[in-house]
PDB file of all heavy atoms in Angstrom:
ATOM      1  N   PHE A   1       7.441  -4.299   5.379  1.00  0.00           N
ATOM      2  CA  PHE A   1       7.067  -4.273   6.794  1.00  0.00           C
ATOM      3  C   PHE A   1       6.061  -5.318   7.086  1.00  0.00           C
ATOM      4  O   PHE A   1       5.094  -5.535   6.339  1.00  0.00           O
ATOM      5  CB  PHE A   1       6.433  -2.902   7.143  1.00  0.00           C
ATOM      6  CG  PHE A   1       7.389  -1.764   7.113  1.00  0.00           C
ATOM      7  CD1 PHE A   1       7.538  -0.997   5.977  1.00  0.00           C
ATOM      8  CD2 PHE A   1       8.128  -1.410   8.249  1.00  0.00           C
ATOM      9  CE1 PHE A   1       8.447   0.030   5.875  1.00  0.00           C
ATOM     10  CE2 PHE A   1       9.052  -0.370   8.199  1.00  0.00           C
ATOM     11  CZ  PHE A   1       9.139   0.328   7.088  1.00  0.00           C
ATOM     12  N   LEU A   2       6.249  -6.064   8.136  1.00  0.00           N
ATOM     13  CA  LEU A   2       5.249  -7.021   8.573  1.00  0.00           C
ATOM     14  C   LEU A   2       4.781  -6.656   9.963  1.00  0.00           C
ATOM     15  O   LEU A   2       5.592  -6.448  10.887  1.00  0.00           O
ATOM     16  CB  LEU A   2       5.836  -8.489   8.662  1.00  0.00           C
ATOM     17  CG  LEU A   2       4.830  -9.506   9.156  1.00  0.00           C
ATOM     18  CD1 LEU A   2       3.794  -9.846   8.116  1.00  0.00           C
ATOM     19  CD2 LEU A   2       5.572 -10.772   9.552  1.00  0.00           C
ATOM     20  N   ILE A   3       3.491  -6.402  10.140  1.00  0.00           N
ATOM     21  CA  ILE A   3       2.877  -6.033  11.362  1.00  0.00           C
ATOM     22  C   ILE A   3       2.123  -7.225  11.975  1.00  0.00           C
ATOM     23  O   ILE A   3       1.250  -7.729  11.360  1.00  0.00           O
ATOM     24  CB  ILE A   3       1.955  -4.862  11.204  1.00  0.00           C
ATOM     25  CG1 ILE A   3       2.715  -3.581  10.682  1.00  0.00           C
ATOM     26  CG2 ILE A   3       1.278  -4.467  12.535  1.00  0.00           C
ATOM     27  CD1 ILE A   3       1.880  -2.480  10.232  1.00  0.00           C
ATOM     28  N   VAL A   4       2.580  -7.620  13.168  1.00  0.00           N
ATOM     29  CA  VAL A   4       1.868  -8.719  13.853  1.00  0.00           C
ATOM     30  C   VAL A   4       0.985  -8.210  14.981  1.00  0.00           C
ATOM     31  O   VAL A   4       1.490  -7.387  15.835  1.00  0.00           O
ATOM     32  CB  VAL A   4       2.883  -9.733  14.473  1.00  0.00           C
ATOM     33  CG1 VAL A   4       2.185 -10.855  15.153  1.00  0.00           C
ATOM     34  CG2 VAL A   4       3.840 -10.225  13.350  1.00  0.00           C
ATOM     35  N   THR A   5      -0.277  -8.478  14.969  1.00  0.00           N
ATOM     36  CA  THR A   5      -1.216  -7.928  15.976  1.00  0.00           C
ATOM     37  C   THR A   5      -2.240  -8.972  16.357  1.00  0.00           C
ATOM     38  O   THR A   5      -2.490  -9.915  15.577  1.00  0.00           O
ATOM     39  CB  THR A   5      -1.901  -6.643  15.439  1.00  0.00           C
ATOM     40  OG1 THR A   5      -2.794  -6.127  16.443  1.00  0.00           O
ATOM     41  CG2 THR A   5      -2.683  -6.918  14.149  1.00  0.00           C
ATOM     42  N   ASN A   6      -2.800  -8.781  17.512  1.00  0.00           N
ATOM     43  CA  ASN A   6      -3.961  -9.654  17.896  1.00  0.00           C
ATOM     44  C   ASN A   6      -5.152  -9.282  17.080  1.00  0.00           C
ATOM     45  O   ASN A   6      -5.364  -8.136  16.704  1.00  0.00           O
ATOM     46  CB  ASN A   6      -4.225  -9.607  19.390  1.00  0.00           C
ATOM     47  CG  ASN A   6      -4.354  -8.193  19.909  1.00  0.00           C
ATOM     48  OD1 ASN A   6      -3.512  -7.339  19.694  1.00  0.00           O
ATOM     49  ND2 ASN A   6      -5.467  -7.882  20.582  1.00  0.00           N
ATOM     50  N   SER A   7      -6.044 -10.321  16.827  1.00  0.00           N
ATOM     51  CA  SER A   7      -7.158 -10.130  15.879  1.00  0.00           C
ATOM     52  C   SER A   7      -8.182  -9.048  16.382  1.00  0.00           C
ATOM     53  O   SER A   7      -8.855  -8.464  15.551  1.00  0.00           O
ATOM     54  CB  SER A   7      -7.886 -11.452  15.753  1.00  0.00           C
ATOM     55  OG  SER A   7      -6.994 -12.421  15.182  1.00  0.00           O
ATOM     56  N   ASP A   8      -8.331  -8.886  17.727  1.00  0.00           N
ATOM     57  CA  ASP A   8      -9.328  -7.902  18.164  1.00  0.00           C
ATOM     58  C   ASP A   8      -8.760  -6.522  18.424  1.00  0.00           C
ATOM     59  O   ASP A   8      -9.401  -5.683  19.086  1.00  0.00           O
ATOM     60  CB  ASP A   8      -9.989  -8.464  19.409  1.00  0.00           C
ATOM     61  CG  ASP A   8      -9.037  -8.636  20.582  1.00  0.00           C
ATOM     62  OD1 ASP A   8      -7.811  -8.560  20.353  1.00  0.00           O
ATOM     63  OD2 ASP A   8      -9.450  -8.870  21.702  1.00  0.00           O
ATOM     64  N   ASN A   9      -7.625  -6.239  17.899  1.00  0.00           N
ATOM     65  CA  ASN A   9      -6.992  -4.907  18.036  1.00  0.00           C
ATOM     66  C   ASN A   9      -7.905  -3.799  17.393  1.00  0.00           C
ATOM     67  O   ASN A   9      -8.149  -3.843  16.189  1.00  0.00           O
ATOM     68  CB  ASN A   9      -5.619  -4.882  17.378  1.00  0.00           C
ATOM     69  CG  ASN A   9      -4.854  -3.632  17.649  1.00  0.00           C
ATOM     70  OD1 ASN A   9      -5.458  -2.562  17.906  1.00  0.00           O
ATOM     71  ND2 ASN A   9      -3.544  -3.680  17.609  1.00  0.00           N
ATOM     72  N   LYS A  10      -8.397  -2.915  18.197  1.00  0.00           N
ATOM     73  CA  LYS A  10      -9.339  -1.895  17.728  1.00  0.00           C
ATOM     74  C   LYS A  10      -8.662  -0.917  16.773  1.00  0.00           C
ATOM     75  O   LYS A  10      -9.374  -0.256  16.003  1.00  0.00           O
ATOM     76  CB  LYS A  10      -9.914  -1.091  18.913  1.00  0.00           C
ATOM     77  CG  LYS A  10     -10.826  -1.992  19.837  1.00  0.00           C
ATOM     78  CD  LYS A  10     -11.317  -1.207  20.984  1.00  0.00           C
ATOM     79  CE  LYS A  10     -12.219  -2.100  21.870  1.00  0.00           C
ATOM     80  NZ  LYS A  10     -12.688  -1.366  23.069  1.00  0.00           N
ATOM     81  N   GLY A  11      -7.355  -0.832  16.845  1.00  0.00           N
ATOM     82  CA  GLY A  11      -6.643   0.103  15.935  1.00  0.00           C
ATOM     83  C   GLY A  11      -6.253  -0.489  14.594  1.00  0.00           C
ATOM     84  O   GLY A  11      -5.587   0.178  13.781  1.00  0.00           O
ATOM     85  N   LYS A  12      -6.615  -1.740  14.370  1.00  0.00           N
ATOM     86  CA  LYS A  12      -6.174  -2.465  13.179  1.00  0.00           C
ATOM     87  C   LYS A  12      -6.623  -1.778  11.879  1.00  0.00           C
ATOM     88  O   LYS A  12      -5.840  -1.583  10.981  1.00  0.00           O
ATOM     89  CB  LYS A  12      -6.703  -3.884  13.212  1.00  0.00           C
ATOM     90  CG  LYS A  12      -6.184  -4.807  12.200  1.00  0.00           C
ATOM     91  CD  LYS A  12      -6.676  -6.227  12.477  1.00  0.00           C
ATOM     92  CE  LYS A  12      -8.231  -6.299  12.487  1.00  0.00           C
ATOM     93  NZ  LYS A  12      -8.713  -7.657  12.750  1.00  0.00           N
ATOM     94  N   GLU A  13      -7.941  -1.421  11.830  1.00  0.00           N
ATOM     95  CA  GLU A  13      -8.456  -0.820  10.583  1.00  0.00           C
ATOM     96  C   GLU A  13      -7.889   0.582  10.365  1.00  0.00           C
ATOM     97  O   GLU A  13      -7.601   0.965   9.235  1.00  0.00           O
ATOM     98  CB  GLU A  13     -10.004  -0.724  10.657  1.00  0.00           C
ATOM     99  CG  GLU A  13     -10.706  -2.107  10.710  1.00  0.00           C
ATOM    100  CD  GLU A  13     -10.281  -3.013   9.539  1.00  0.00           C
ATOM    101  OE1 GLU A  13     -10.200  -2.471   8.408  1.00  0.00           O
ATOM    102  OE2 GLU A  13     -10.063  -4.157   9.762  1.00  0.00           O
ATOM    103  N   PHE A  14      -7.633   1.317  11.491  1.00  0.00           N
ATOM    104  CA  PHE A  14      -6.980   2.597  11.343  1.00  0.00           C
ATOM    105  C   PHE A  14      -5.620   2.468  10.808  1.00  0.00           C
ATOM    106  O   PHE A  14      -5.143   3.219   9.936  1.00  0.00           O
ATOM    107  CB  PHE A  14      -6.998   3.304  12.741  1.00  0.00           C
ATOM    108  CG  PHE A  14      -6.276   4.621  12.762  1.00  0.00           C
ATOM    109  CD1 PHE A  14      -6.732   5.717  12.063  1.00  0.00           C
ATOM    110  CD2 PHE A  14      -5.124   4.760  13.480  1.00  0.00           C
ATOM    111  CE1 PHE A  14      -6.083   6.885  12.103  1.00  0.00           C
ATOM    112  CE2 PHE A  14      -4.421   5.950  13.523  1.00  0.00           C
ATOM    113  CZ  PHE A  14      -4.950   7.051  12.808  1.00  0.00           C
ATOM    114  N   LEU A  15      -4.890   1.478  11.271  1.00  0.00           N
ATOM    115  CA  LEU A  15      -3.500   1.194  10.815  1.00  0.00           C
ATOM    116  C   LEU A  15      -3.565   0.857   9.342  1.00  0.00           C
ATOM    117  O   LEU A  15      -2.719   1.334   8.555  1.00  0.00           O
ATOM    118  CB  LEU A  15      -2.942   0.030  11.631  1.00  0.00           C
ATOM    119  CG  LEU A  15      -1.439  -0.173  11.492  1.00  0.00           C
ATOM    120  CD1 LEU A  15      -0.645   1.056  11.965  1.00  0.00           C
ATOM    121  CD2 LEU A  15      -1.052  -1.419  12.297  1.00  0.00           C
ATOM    122  N   LYS A  16      -4.451   0.019   8.907  1.00  0.00           N
ATOM    123  CA  LYS A  16      -4.624  -0.325   7.517  1.00  0.00           C
ATOM    124  C   LYS A  16      -4.815   0.949   6.664  1.00  0.00           C
ATOM    125  O   LYS A  16      -4.250   1.030   5.533  1.00  0.00           O
ATOM    126  CB  LYS A  16      -5.763  -1.253   7.267  1.00  0.00           C
ATOM    127  CG  LYS A  16      -5.484  -2.692   7.751  1.00  0.00           C
ATOM    128  CD  LYS A  16      -6.707  -3.585   7.437  1.00  0.00           C
ATOM    129  CE  LYS A  16      -6.450  -5.017   7.853  1.00  0.00           C
ATOM    130  NZ  LYS A  16      -7.635  -5.905   7.628  1.00  0.00           N
ATOM    131  N   SER A  17      -5.649   1.826   7.140  1.00  0.00           N
ATOM    132  CA  SER A  17      -5.976   3.076   6.327  1.00  0.00           C
ATOM    133  C   SER A  17      -4.753   3.941   6.241  1.00  0.00           C
ATOM    134  O   SER A  17      -4.550   4.633   5.163  1.00  0.00           O
ATOM    135  CB  SER A  17      -7.131   3.828   6.943  1.00  0.00           C
ATOM    136  OG  SER A  17      -6.693   4.391   8.201  1.00  0.00           O
ATOM    137  N   LEU A  18      -3.927   3.984   7.212  1.00  0.00           N
ATOM    138  CA  LEU A  18      -2.697   4.777   7.177  1.00  0.00           C
ATOM    139  C   LEU A  18      -1.655   4.197   6.244  1.00  0.00           C
ATOM    140  O   LEU A  18      -0.871   4.895   5.555  1.00  0.00           O
ATOM    141  CB  LEU A  18      -2.088   4.941   8.576  1.00  0.00           C
ATOM    142  CG  LEU A  18      -2.815   5.799   9.598  1.00  0.00           C
ATOM    143  CD1 LEU A  18      -2.042   5.738  10.924  1.00  0.00           C
ATOM    144  CD2 LEU A  18      -2.875   7.265   9.142  1.00  0.00           C
ATOM    145  N   LEU A  19      -1.591   2.860   6.220  1.00  0.00           N
ATOM    146  CA  LEU A  19      -0.537   2.171   5.446  1.00  0.00           C
ATOM    147  C   LEU A  19      -0.982   1.591   4.118  1.00  0.00           C
ATOM    148  O   LEU A  19      -0.278   0.817   3.593  1.00  0.00           O
ATOM    149  CB  LEU A  19       0.086   1.133   6.364  1.00  0.00           C
ATOM    150  CG  LEU A  19       0.727   1.577   7.666  1.00  0.00           C
ATOM    151  CD1 LEU A  19       1.121   0.400   8.485  1.00  0.00           C
ATOM    152  CD2 LEU A  19       1.927   2.482   7.376  1.00  0.00           C
ATOM    153  N   LYS A  20      -2.170   1.975   3.667  1.00  0.00           N
ATOM    154  CA  LYS A  20      -2.719   1.309   2.490  1.00  0.00           C
ATOM    155  C   LYS A  20      -1.849   1.505   1.246  1.00  0.00           C
ATOM    156  O   LYS A  20      -1.912   0.665   0.327  1.00  0.00           O
ATOM    157  CB  LYS A  20      -4.161   1.721   2.196  1.00  0.00           C
ATOM    158  CG  LYS A  20      -4.311   3.218   1.983  1.00  0.00           C
ATOM    159  CD  LYS A  20      -5.772   3.601   1.857  1.00  0.00           C
ATOM    160  CE  LYS A  20      -6.024   5.072   1.694  1.00  0.00           C
ATOM    161  NZ  LYS A  20      -7.431   5.389   1.632  1.00  0.00           N
ATOM    162  N   LYS A  21      -1.107   2.558   1.207  1.00  0.00           N
ATOM    163  CA  LYS A  21      -0.260   2.813   0.020  1.00  0.00           C
ATOM    164  C   LYS A  21       1.142   2.303   0.222  1.00  0.00           C
ATOM    165  O   LYS A  21       1.981   2.417  -0.679  1.00  0.00           O
ATOM    166  CB  LYS A  21      -0.215   4.313  -0.221  1.00  0.00           C
ATOM    167  CG  LYS A  21      -1.534   4.916  -0.659  1.00  0.00           C
ATOM    168  CD  LYS A  21      -1.498   6.388  -0.874  1.00  0.00           C
ATOM    169  CE  LYS A  21      -2.811   6.970  -1.296  1.00  0.00           C
ATOM    170  NZ  LYS A  21      -2.715   8.453  -1.517  1.00  0.00           N
ATOM    171  N   GLU A  22       1.461   1.762   1.413  1.00  0.00           N
ATOM    172  CA  GLU A  22       2.785   1.326   1.687  1.00  0.00           C
ATOM    173  C   GLU A  22       2.955  -0.179   1.377  1.00  0.00           C
ATOM    174  O   GLU A  22       1.994  -0.901   1.225  1.00  0.00           O
ATOM    175  CB  GLU A  22       3.141   1.586   3.125  1.00  0.00           C
ATOM    176  CG  GLU A  22       3.013   3.005   3.599  1.00  0.00           C
ATOM    177  CD  GLU A  22       3.972   3.934   2.870  1.00  0.00           C
ATOM    178  OE1 GLU A  22       5.056   3.454   2.461  1.00  0.00           O
ATOM    179  OE2 GLU A  22       3.690   5.166   2.746  1.00  0.00           O
ATOM    180  N   ASN A  23       4.177  -0.652   1.360  1.00  0.00           N
ATOM    181  CA  ASN A  23       4.536  -2.085   1.167  1.00  0.00           C
ATOM    182  C   ASN A  23       4.604  -2.773   2.448  1.00  0.00           C
ATOM    183  O   ASN A  23       5.597  -2.833   3.163  1.00  0.00           O
ATOM    184  CB  ASN A  23       5.879  -2.112   0.415  1.00  0.00           C
ATOM    185  CG  ASN A  23       6.222  -3.600   0.117  1.00  0.00           C
ATOM    186  OD1 ASN A  23       5.354  -4.448   0.047  1.00  0.00           O
ATOM    187  ND2 ASN A  23       7.506  -3.809  -0.047  1.00  0.00           N
ATOM    188  N   PHE A  24       3.413  -3.287   2.842  1.00  0.00           N
ATOM    189  CA  PHE A  24       3.358  -3.955   4.193  1.00  0.00           C
ATOM    190  C   PHE A  24       2.358  -5.102   4.166  1.00  0.00           C
ATOM    191  O   PHE A  24       1.455  -5.197   3.299  1.00  0.00           O
ATOM    192  CB  PHE A  24       3.001  -2.964   5.324  1.00  0.00           C
ATOM    193  CG  PHE A  24       1.576  -2.794   5.487  1.00  0.00           C
ATOM    194  CD1 PHE A  24       0.904  -3.334   6.576  1.00  0.00           C
ATOM    195  CD2 PHE A  24       0.773  -2.052   4.601  1.00  0.00           C
ATOM    196  CE1 PHE A  24      -0.432  -3.177   6.796  1.00  0.00           C
ATOM    197  CE2 PHE A  24      -0.553  -1.900   4.810  1.00  0.00           C
ATOM    198  CZ  PHE A  24      -1.160  -2.418   5.891  1.00  0.00           C
ATOM    199  N   ASN A  25       2.532  -5.978   5.122  1.00  0.00           N
ATOM    200  CA  ASN A  25       1.564  -7.059   5.315  1.00  0.00           C
ATOM    201  C   ASN A  25       1.095  -7.000   6.774  1.00  0.00           C
ATOM    202  O   ASN A  25       1.875  -6.623   7.678  1.00  0.00           O
ATOM    203  CB  ASN A  25       2.145  -8.419   5.054  1.00  0.00           C
ATOM    204  CG  ASN A  25       2.514  -8.611   3.583  1.00  0.00           C
ATOM    205  OD1 ASN A  25       1.636  -8.574   2.752  1.00  0.00           O
ATOM    206  ND2 ASN A  25       3.784  -8.769   3.247  1.00  0.00           N
ATOM    207  N   LEU A  26      -0.128  -7.399   7.024  1.00  0.00           N
ATOM    208  CA  LEU A  26      -0.683  -7.408   8.366  1.00  0.00           C
ATOM    209  C   LEU A  26      -0.989  -8.891   8.733  1.00  0.00           C
ATOM    210  O   LEU A  26      -1.759  -9.545   8.083  1.00  0.00           O
ATOM    211  CB  LEU A  26      -1.934  -6.591   8.470  1.00  0.00           C
ATOM    212  CG  LEU A  26      -2.553  -6.395   9.874  1.00  0.00           C
ATOM    213  CD1 LEU A  26      -1.620  -5.466  10.602  1.00  0.00           C
ATOM    214  CD2 LEU A  26      -3.917  -5.777   9.720  1.00  0.00           C
ATOM    215  N   LYS A  27      -0.288  -9.404   9.725  1.00  0.00           N
ATOM    216  CA  LYS A  27      -0.498 -10.730  10.190  1.00  0.00           C
ATOM    217  C   LYS A  27      -1.198 -10.724  11.498  1.00  0.00           C
ATOM    218  O   LYS A  27      -0.710 -10.117  12.471  1.00  0.00           O
ATOM    219  CB  LYS A  27       0.868 -11.492  10.327  1.00  0.00           C
ATOM    220  CG  LYS A  27       0.822 -12.911  10.840  1.00  0.00           C
ATOM    221  CD  LYS A  27       0.177 -13.863   9.885  1.00  0.00           C
ATOM    222  CE  LYS A  27       0.195 -15.249  10.397  1.00  0.00           C
ATOM    223  NZ  LYS A  27      -0.450 -16.225   9.430  1.00  0.00           N
TER     224      LYS A  27
END
């Protein structure tokens, strides 16, 4: 999974915590 988001997205860290065990990249 590749997630593309704007840099100031307030939910970014929450998303990272949910998906930390998954195979994904955050761009």
